[in-house]
PDB file of all heavy atoms in Angstrom:
ATOM      1  N   LEU A   1       0.865  -1.201   0.003  1.00  0.00           N
ATOM      2  CA  LEU A   1       0.011  -0.012   0.043  1.00  0.00           C
ATOM      3  C   LEU A   1       0.884   1.300   0.003  1.00  0.00           C
ATOM      4  O   LEU A   1       0.568   2.215  -0.701  1.00  0.00           O
ATOM      5  CB  LEU A   1      -0.952   0.023   1.233  1.00  0.00           C
ATOM      6  CG  LEU A   1      -2.142  -0.965   1.129  1.00  0.00           C
ATOM      7  CD1 LEU A   1      -2.796  -1.106   2.447  1.00  0.00           C
ATOM      8  CD2 LEU A   1      -3.129  -0.554   0.020  1.00  0.00           C
ATOM      9  N   PHE A   2       1.958   1.259   0.772  1.00  0.00           N
ATOM     10  CA  PHE A   2       2.827   2.430   0.801  1.00  0.00           C
ATOM     11  C   PHE A   2       3.536   2.652  -0.593  1.00  0.00           C
ATOM     12  O   PHE A   2       3.732   3.648  -1.009  1.00  0.00           O
ATOM     13  CB  PHE A   2       3.871   2.327   1.868  1.00  0.00           C
ATOM     14  CG  PHE A   2       3.359   2.709   3.270  1.00  0.00           C
ATOM     15  CD1 PHE A   2       3.411   1.871   4.297  1.00  0.00           C
ATOM     16  CD2 PHE A   2       2.711   3.952   3.431  1.00  0.00           C
ATOM     17  CE1 PHE A   2       2.915   2.225   5.594  1.00  0.00           C
ATOM     18  CE2 PHE A   2       2.290   4.321   4.719  1.00  0.00           C
ATOM     19  CZ  PHE A   2       2.314   3.499   5.751  1.00  0.00           C
ATOM     20  N   LEU A   3       3.914   1.523  -1.233  1.00  0.00           N
ATOM     21  CA  LEU A   3       4.505   1.633  -2.582  1.00  0.00           C
ATOM     22  C   LEU A   3       3.493   2.128  -3.586  1.00  0.00           C
ATOM     23  O   LEU A   3       3.878   2.969  -4.452  1.00  0.00           O
ATOM     24  CB  LEU A   3       5.037   0.269  -3.014  1.00  0.00           C
ATOM     25  CG  LEU A   3       6.302  -0.247  -2.303  1.00  0.00           C
ATOM     26  CD1 LEU A   3       6.634  -1.686  -2.694  1.00  0.00           C
ATOM     27  CD2 LEU A   3       7.497   0.642  -2.708  1.00  0.00           C
ATOM     28  N   TRP A   4       2.227   1.760  -3.504  1.00  0.00           N
ATOM     29  CA  TRP A   4       1.229   2.206  -4.398  1.00  0.00           C
ATOM     30  C   TRP A   4       0.970   3.652  -4.068  1.00  0.00           C
ATOM     31  O   TRP A   4       0.851   4.506  -5.046  1.00  0.00           O
ATOM     32  CB  TRP A   4      -0.068   1.439  -4.168  1.00  0.00           C
ATOM     33  CG  TRP A   4      -1.220   1.812  -5.005  1.00  0.00           C
ATOM     34  CD1 TRP A   4      -1.161   2.303  -6.293  1.00  0.00           C
ATOM     35  CD2 TRP A   4      -2.633   1.780  -4.649  1.00  0.00           C
ATOM     36  NE1 TRP A   4      -2.426   2.583  -6.838  1.00  0.00           N
ATOM     37  CE2 TRP A   4      -3.348   2.166  -5.809  1.00  0.00           C
ATOM     38  CE3 TRP A   4      -3.305   1.378  -3.649  1.00  0.00           C
ATOM     39  CZ2 TRP A   4      -4.711   2.257  -5.785  1.00  0.00           C
ATOM     40  CZ3 TRP A   4      -4.683   1.425  -3.596  1.00  0.00           C
ATOM     41  CH2 TRP A   4      -5.358   1.892  -4.770  1.00  0.00           C
ATOM     42  N   LEU A   5       0.959   4.095  -2.818  1.00  0.00           N
ATOM     43  CA  LEU A   5       0.910   5.538  -2.545  1.00  0.00           C
ATOM     44  C   LEU A   5       2.083   6.348  -3.138  1.00  0.00           C
ATOM     45  O   LEU A   5       1.790   7.484  -3.697  1.00  0.00           O
ATOM     46  CB  LEU A   5       0.799   5.775  -1.051  1.00  0.00           C
ATOM     47  CG  LEU A   5       0.710   7.200  -0.590  1.00  0.00           C
ATOM     48  CD1 LEU A   5      -0.530   7.852  -1.068  1.00  0.00           C
ATOM     49  CD2 LEU A   5       0.810   7.227   0.998  1.00  0.00           C
ATOM     50  N   GLY A   6       3.289   5.804  -2.943  1.00  0.00           N
ATOM     51  CA  GLY A   6       4.445   6.463  -3.541  1.00  0.00           C
ATOM     52  C   GLY A   6       4.306   6.578  -5.119  1.00  0.00           C
ATOM     53  O   GLY A   6       4.583   7.644  -5.650  1.00  0.00           O
ATOM     54  N   TYR A   7       3.810   5.532  -5.735  1.00  0.00           N
ATOM     55  CA  TYR A   7       3.624   5.594  -7.218  1.00  0.00           C
ATOM     56  C   TYR A   7       2.586   6.747  -7.544  1.00  0.00           C
ATOM     57  O   TYR A   7       2.880   7.429  -8.495  1.00  0.00           O
ATOM     58  CB  TYR A   7       3.069   4.185  -7.633  1.00  0.00           C
ATOM     59  CG  TYR A   7       2.722   4.176  -9.032  1.00  0.00           C
ATOM     60  CD1 TYR A   7       3.688   4.120 -10.167  1.00  0.00           C
ATOM     61  CD2 TYR A   7       1.382   4.227  -9.466  1.00  0.00           C
ATOM     62  CE1 TYR A   7       3.270   4.135 -11.407  1.00  0.00           C
ATOM     63  CE2 TYR A   7       1.013   4.256 -10.779  1.00  0.00           C
ATOM     64  CZ  TYR A   7       1.925   4.235 -11.707  1.00  0.00           C
ATOM     65  OH  TYR A   7       1.572   4.194 -13.052  1.00  0.00           O
ATOM     66  N   LEU A   8       1.472   6.699  -6.796  1.00  0.00           N
ATOM     67  CA  LEU A   8       0.469   7.752  -7.106  1.00  0.00           C
ATOM     68  C   LEU A   8       0.940   9.169  -6.848  1.00  0.00           C
ATOM     69  O   LEU A   8       0.612  10.035  -7.583  1.00  0.00           O
ATOM     70  CB  LEU A   8      -0.755   7.516  -6.203  1.00  0.00           C
ATOM     71  CG  LEU A   8      -1.592   6.208  -6.545  1.00  0.00           C
ATOM     72  CD1 LEU A   8      -2.700   6.032  -5.543  1.00  0.00           C
ATOM     73  CD2 LEU A   8      -2.157   6.279  -7.997  1.00  0.00           C
ATOM     74  N   LEU A   9       1.821   9.351  -5.905  1.00  0.00           N
ATOM     75  CA  LEU A   9       2.301  10.602  -5.586  1.00  0.00           C
ATOM     76  C   LEU A   9       3.504  11.143  -6.467  1.00  0.00           C
ATOM     77  O   LEU A   9       3.623  12.356  -6.770  1.00  0.00           O
ATOM     78  CB  LEU A   9       2.721  10.708  -4.103  1.00  0.00           C
ATOM     79  CG  LEU A   9       1.662  10.766  -3.065  1.00  0.00           C
ATOM     80  CD1 LEU A   9       2.270  10.607  -1.718  1.00  0.00           C
ATOM     81  CD2 LEU A   9       0.893  12.091  -3.217  1.00  0.00           C
ATOM     82  N   LEU A  10       4.348  10.218  -6.925  1.00  0.00           N
ATOM     83  CA  LEU A  10       5.644  10.525  -7.488  1.00  0.00           C
ATOM     84  C   LEU A  10       5.692  10.375  -9.006  1.00  0.00           C
ATOM     85  O   LEU A  10       6.666  10.893  -9.661  1.00  0.00           O
ATOM     86  CB  LEU A  10       6.764   9.830  -6.777  1.00  0.00           C
ATOM     87  CG  LEU A  10       6.854  10.028  -5.291  1.00  0.00           C
ATOM     88  CD1 LEU A  10       7.949   9.147  -4.714  1.00  0.00           C
ATOM     89  CD2 LEU A  10       7.218  11.503  -5.033  1.00  0.00           C
ATOM     90  N   ILE A  11       4.817   9.627  -9.550  1.00  0.00           N
ATOM     91  CA  ILE A  11       4.923   9.308 -10.996  1.00  0.00           C
ATOM     92  C   ILE A  11       3.993  10.151 -11.832  1.00  0.00           C
ATOM     93  O   ILE A  11       2.821  10.207 -11.520  1.00  0.00           O
ATOM     94  CB  ILE A  11       4.670   7.765 -11.252  1.00  0.00           C
ATOM     95  CG1 ILE A  11       5.577   6.922 -10.409  1.00  0.00           C
ATOM     96  CG2 ILE A  11       4.818   7.402 -12.739  1.00  0.00           C
ATOM     97  CD1 ILE A  11       7.053   7.028 -10.688  1.00  0.00           C
ATOM     98  N   PRO A  12       4.501  10.781 -12.947  1.00  0.00           N
ATOM     99  CA  PRO A  12       3.570  11.523 -13.769  1.00  0.00           C
ATOM    100  C   PRO A  12       2.543  10.666 -14.468  1.00  0.00           C
ATOM    101  O   PRO A  12       2.825   9.374 -14.546  1.00  0.00           O
ATOM    102  CB  PRO A  12       4.523  12.073 -14.863  1.00  0.00           C
ATOM    103  CG  PRO A  12       5.917  11.955 -14.308  1.00  0.00           C
ATOM    104  CD  PRO A  12       5.882  10.886 -13.342  1.00  0.00           C
ATOM    105  N   PHE A  13       1.440  11.092 -14.922  1.00  0.00           N
ATOM    106  CA  PHE A  13       0.413  10.287 -15.511  1.00  0.00           C
ATOM    107  C   PHE A  13      -0.296  11.065 -16.608  1.00  0.00           C
ATOM    108  O   PHE A  13      -0.123  12.248 -16.738  1.00  0.00           O
ATOM    109  CB  PHE A  13      -0.616   9.831 -14.410  1.00  0.00           C
ATOM    110  CG  PHE A  13      -1.213  11.044 -13.640  1.00  0.00           C
ATOM    111  CD1 PHE A  13      -2.515  11.319 -14.033  1.00  0.00           C
ATOM    112  CD2 PHE A  13      -0.601  11.605 -12.668  1.00  0.00           C
ATOM    113  CE1 PHE A  13      -3.187  12.415 -13.344  1.00  0.00           C
ATOM    114  CE2 PHE A  13      -1.247  12.658 -11.945  1.00  0.00           C
ATOM    115  CZ  PHE A  13      -2.492  13.062 -12.345  1.00  0.00           C
ATOM    116  N   THR A  14      -1.136  10.267 -17.345  1.00  0.00           N
ATOM    117  CA  THR A  14      -1.944  10.966 -18.355  1.00  0.00           C
ATOM    118  C   THR A  14      -3.357  10.670 -18.055  1.00  0.00           C
ATOM    119  O   THR A  14      -3.786   9.678 -17.490  1.00  0.00           O
ATOM    120  CB  THR A  14      -1.654  10.344 -19.756  1.00  0.00           C
ATOM    121  OG1 THR A  14      -1.901   8.882 -19.693  1.00  0.00           O
ATOM    122  CG2 THR A  14      -0.199  10.540 -20.252  1.00  0.00           C
ATOM    123  N   VAL A  15      -4.161  11.635 -18.465  1.00  0.00           N
ATOM    124  CA  VAL A  15      -5.594  11.568 -18.314  1.00  0.00           C
ATOM    125  C   VAL A  15      -6.245  11.587 -19.678  1.00  0.00           C
ATOM    126  O   VAL A  15      -6.031  12.366 -20.573  1.00  0.00           O
ATOM    127  CB  VAL A  15      -6.196  12.798 -17.545  1.00  0.00           C
ATOM    128  CG1 VAL A  15      -7.705  12.771 -17.436  1.00  0.00           C
ATOM    129  CG2 VAL A  15      -5.587  12.883 -16.162  1.00  0.00           C
ATOM    130  N   HIS A  16      -7.101  10.580 -19.918  1.00  0.00           N
ATOM    131  CA  HIS A  16      -7.812  10.450 -21.166  1.00  0.00           C
ATOM    132  C   HIS A  16      -9.145  11.099 -21.064  1.00  0.00           C
ATOM    133  O   HIS A  16      -9.970  10.734 -20.237  1.00  0.00           O
ATOM    134  CB  HIS A  16      -7.934   9.008 -21.596  1.00  0.00           C
ATOM    135  CG  HIS A  16      -6.593   8.270 -21.657  1.00  0.00           C
ATOM    136  ND1 HIS A  16      -5.755   8.447 -22.717  1.00  0.00           N
ATOM    137  CD2 HIS A  16      -6.063   7.447 -20.778  1.00  0.00           C
ATOM    138  CE1 HIS A  16      -4.705   7.624 -22.550  1.00  0.00           C
ATOM    139  NE2 HIS A  16      -4.852   7.045 -21.379  1.00  0.00           N
ATOM    140  N   HIS A  17      -9.395  12.042 -22.009  1.00  0.00           N
ATOM    141  CA  HIS A  17     -10.635  12.777 -21.953  1.00  0.00           C
ATOM    142  C   HIS A  17     -11.179  12.890 -23.389  1.00  0.00           C
ATOM    143  O   HIS A  17     -10.569  13.590 -24.172  1.00  0.00           O
ATOM    144  CB  HIS A  17     -10.555  14.107 -21.359  1.00  0.00           C
ATOM    145  CG  HIS A  17     -11.843  14.896 -21.131  1.00  0.00           C
ATOM    146  ND1 HIS A  17     -12.265  15.771 -21.992  1.00  0.00           N
ATOM    147  CD2 HIS A  17     -12.779  14.733 -20.149  1.00  0.00           C
ATOM    148  CE1 HIS A  17     -13.469  16.202 -21.624  1.00  0.00           C
ATOM    149  NE2 HIS A  17     -13.767  15.560 -20.491  1.00  0.00           N
ATOM    150  N   TYR A  18     -12.193  12.104 -23.743  1.00  0.00           N
ATOM    151  CA  TYR A  18     -12.710  11.992 -25.168  1.00  0.00           C
ATOM    152  C   TYR A  18     -11.565  11.645 -26.037  1.00  0.00           C
ATOM    153  O   TYR A  18     -11.009  10.682 -25.968  1.00  0.00           O
ATOM    154  CB  TYR A  18     -13.423  13.317 -25.531  1.00  0.00           C
ATOM    155  CG  TYR A  18     -14.611  13.630 -24.687  1.00  0.00           C
ATOM    156  CD1 TYR A  18     -14.663  14.751 -23.806  1.00  0.00           C
ATOM    157  CD2 TYR A  18     -15.695  12.773 -24.757  1.00  0.00           C
ATOM    158  CE1 TYR A  18     -15.787  14.979 -23.023  1.00  0.00           C
ATOM    159  CE2 TYR A  18     -16.817  13.090 -24.009  1.00  0.00           C
ATOM    160  CZ  TYR A  18     -16.837  14.133 -23.144  1.00  0.00           C
ATOM    161  OH  TYR A  18     -17.886  14.411 -22.361  1.00  0.00           O
ATOM    162  N   GLN A  19     -11.192  12.542 -27.013  1.00  0.00           N
ATOM    163  CA  GLN A  19     -10.116  12.274 -27.906  1.00  0.00           C
ATOM    164  C   GLN A  19      -8.779  12.827 -27.394  1.00  0.00           C
ATOM    165  O   GLN A  19      -7.705  12.611 -28.009  1.00  0.00           O
ATOM    166  CB  GLN A  19     -10.388  12.985 -29.317  1.00  0.00           C
ATOM    167  CG  GLN A  19     -11.739  12.490 -29.986  1.00  0.00           C
ATOM    168  CD  GLN A  19     -11.592  11.056 -30.398  1.00  0.00           C
ATOM    169  OE1 GLN A  19     -10.462  10.529 -30.707  1.00  0.00           O
ATOM    170  NE2 GLN A  19     -12.725  10.372 -30.442  1.00  0.00           N
ATOM    171  N   ASP A  20      -8.750  13.562 -26.314  1.00  0.00           N
ATOM    172  CA  ASP A  20      -7.517  14.261 -25.820  1.00  0.00           C
ATOM    173  C   ASP A  20      -6.818  13.280 -24.850  1.00  0.00           C
ATOM    174  O   ASP A  20      -7.431  12.568 -24.094  1.00  0.00           O
ATOM    175  CB  ASP A  20      -7.845  15.517 -25.126  1.00  0.00           C
ATOM    176  CG  ASP A  20      -8.487  16.550 -26.092  1.00  0.00           C
ATOM    177  OD1 ASP A  20      -8.238  16.351 -27.356  1.00  0.00           O
ATOM    178  OD2 ASP A  20      -9.122  17.450 -25.685  1.00  0.00           O
ATOM    179  N   GLU A  21      -5.517  13.502 -24.730  1.00  0.00           N
ATOM    180  CA  GLU A  21      -4.708  12.937 -23.710  1.00  0.00           C
ATOM    181  C   GLU A  21      -3.929  14.094 -22.995  1.00  0.00           C
ATOM    182  O   GLU A  21      -3.182  14.816 -23.729  1.00  0.00           O
ATOM    183  CB  GLU A  21      -3.666  11.862 -24.249  1.00  0.00           C
ATOM    184  CG  GLU A  21      -4.209  10.540 -24.310  1.00  0.00           C
ATOM    185  CD  GLU A  21      -3.098   9.480 -24.566  1.00  0.00           C
ATOM    186  OE1 GLU A  21      -1.833   9.948 -24.544  1.00  0.00           O
ATOM    187  OE2 GLU A  21      -3.389   8.428 -24.927  1.00  0.00           O
ATOM    188  N   ILE A  22      -4.175  14.229 -21.741  1.00  0.00           N
ATOM    189  CA  ILE A  22      -3.532  15.384 -21.026  1.00  0.00           C
ATOM    190  C   ILE A  22      -2.405  14.760 -20.233  1.00  0.00           C
ATOM    191  O   ILE A  22      -2.641  13.806 -19.357  1.00  0.00           O
ATOM    192  CB  ILE A  22      -4.555  16.115 -20.041  1.00  0.00           C
ATOM    193  CG1 ILE A  22      -5.733  16.591 -20.957  1.00  0.00           C
ATOM    194  CG2 ILE A  22      -3.929  17.151 -19.328  1.00  0.00           C
ATOM    195  CD1 ILE A  22      -6.863  17.122 -20.076  1.00  0.00           C
ATOM    196  N   GLU A  23      -1.174  15.317 -20.364  1.00  0.00           N
ATOM    197  CA  GLU A  23      -0.088  14.846 -19.554  1.00  0.00           C
ATOM    198  C   GLU A  23      -0.104  15.619 -18.300  1.00  0.00           C
ATOM    199  O   GLU A  23      -0.154  16.822 -18.308  1.00  0.00           O
ATOM    200  CB  GLU A  23       1.258  15.130 -20.378  1.00  0.00           C
ATOM    201  CG  GLU A  23       1.428  14.272 -21.600  1.00  0.00           C
ATOM    202  CD  GLU A  23       1.577  12.814 -21.337  1.00  0.00           C
ATOM    203  OE1 GLU A  23       2.256  12.482 -20.221  1.00  0.00           O
ATOM    204  OE2 GLU A  23       1.165  12.021 -22.075  1.00  0.00           O
ATOM    205  N   CYS A  24      -0.015  14.931 -17.189  1.00  0.00           N
ATOM    206  CA  CYS A  24      -0.094  15.632 -15.888  1.00  0.00           C
ATOM    207  C   CYS A  24       1.166  15.259 -15.168  1.00  0.00           C
ATOM    208  O   CYS A  24       1.705  14.170 -15.164  1.00  0.00           O
ATOM    209  CB  CYS A  24      -1.265  15.046 -15.052  1.00  0.00           C
ATOM    210  SG  CYS A  24      -2.910  15.297 -15.860  1.00  0.00           S
ATOM    211  N   GLU A  25       1.588  16.191 -14.393  1.00  0.00           N
ATOM    212  CA  GLU A  25       2.780  16.078 -13.449  1.00  0.00           C
ATOM    213  C   GLU A  25       2.355  15.276 -12.280  1.00  0.00           C
ATOM    214  O   GLU A  25       1.161  15.209 -11.868  1.00  0.00           O
ATOM    215  CB  GLU A  25       3.358  17.397 -13.091  1.00  0.00           C
ATOM    216  CG  GLU A  25       4.029  18.136 -14.164  1.00  0.00           C
ATOM    217  CD  GLU A  25       4.575  19.437 -13.679  1.00  0.00           C
ATOM    218  OE1 GLU A  25       5.189  19.498 -12.572  1.00  0.00           O
ATOM    219  OE2 GLU A  25       4.520  20.437 -14.439  1.00  0.00           O
ATOM    220  N   ALA A  26       3.324  14.653 -11.580  1.00  0.00           N
ATOM    221  CA  ALA A  26       2.992  14.006 -10.241  1.00  0.00           C
ATOM    222  C   ALA A  26       2.506  15.022  -9.317  1.00  0.00           C
ATOM    223  O   ALA A  26       3.000  16.127  -9.338  1.00  0.00           O
ATOM    224  CB  ALA A  26       4.312  13.342  -9.781  1.00  0.00           C
ATOM    225  N   PRO A  27       1.515  14.690  -8.481  1.00  0.00           N
ATOM    226  CA  PRO A  27       0.959  15.758  -7.504  1.00  0.00           C
ATOM    227  C   PRO A  27       2.082  16.301  -6.576  1.00  0.00           C
ATOM    228  O   PRO A  27       1.969  17.451  -6.257  1.00  0.00           O
ATOM    229  CB  PRO A  27       0.058  14.836  -6.655  1.00  0.00           C
ATOM    230  CG  PRO A  27      -0.392  13.750  -7.557  1.00  0.00           C
ATOM    231  CD  PRO A  27       0.802  13.386  -8.410  1.00  0.00           C
ATOM    232  N   VAL A  28       3.078  15.538  -6.193  1.00  0.00           N
ATOM    233  CA  VAL A  28       4.102  16.077  -5.373  1.00  0.00           C
ATOM    234  C   VAL A  28       4.953  17.116  -6.072  1.00  0.00           C
ATOM    235  O   VAL A  28       5.464  18.089  -5.478  1.00  0.00           O
ATOM    236  CB  VAL A  28       4.984  14.980  -4.805  1.00  0.00           C
ATOM    237  CG1 VAL A  28       6.268  15.500  -4.069  1.00  0.00           C
ATOM    238  CG2 VAL A  28       4.173  14.034  -3.903  1.00  0.00           C
ATOM    239  N   PHE A  29       5.307  16.827  -7.302  1.00  0.00           N
ATOM    240  CA  PHE A  29       6.204  17.744  -8.141  1.00  0.00           C
ATOM    241  C   PHE A  29       5.568  18.870  -8.849  1.00  0.00           C
ATOM    242  O   PHE A  29       6.226  19.600  -9.608  1.00  0.00           O
ATOM    243  CB  PHE A  29       7.014  16.896  -8.998  1.00  0.00           C
ATOM    244  CG  PHE A  29       7.802  15.869  -8.282  1.00  0.00           C
ATOM    245  CD1 PHE A  29       7.803  14.566  -8.616  1.00  0.00           C
ATOM    246  CD2 PHE A  29       8.796  16.272  -7.272  1.00  0.00           C
ATOM    247  CE1 PHE A  29       8.581  13.657  -7.944  1.00  0.00           C
ATOM    248  CE2 PHE A  29       9.516  15.298  -6.592  1.00  0.00           C
ATOM    249  CZ  PHE A  29       9.428  14.018  -6.982  1.00  0.00           C
ATOM    250  N   TYR A  30       4.207  19.018  -8.713  1.00  0.00           N
ATOM    251  CA  TYR A  30       3.593  20.104  -9.486  1.00  0.00           C
ATOM    252  C   TYR A  30       3.950  21.384  -8.819  1.00  0.00           C
ATOM    253  O   TYR A  30       3.774  21.697  -7.731  1.00  0.00           O
ATOM    254  CB  TYR A  30       2.057  19.945  -9.455  1.00  0.00           C
ATOM    255  CG  TYR A  30       1.332  20.995 -10.263  1.00  0.00           C
ATOM    256  CD1 TYR A  30       1.268  20.929 -11.617  1.00  0.00           C
ATOM    257  CD2 TYR A  30       0.732  22.033  -9.611  1.00  0.00           C
ATOM    258  CE1 TYR A  30       0.618  21.816 -12.390  1.00  0.00           C
ATOM    259  CE2 TYR A  30       0.049  22.994 -10.335  1.00  0.00           C
ATOM    260  CZ  TYR A  30       0.045  22.923 -11.749  1.00  0.00           C
ATOM    261  OH  TYR A  30      -0.573  23.855 -12.404  1.00  0.00           O
TER     262      TYR A  30
END
């Protein structure tokens, strides 16, 4: 669970919205 939390906090991710893909920074590093 702590590793999963670290992944969610520290790794950048993409959000898919309709035809768009939005690149998002990790919540900690924004």
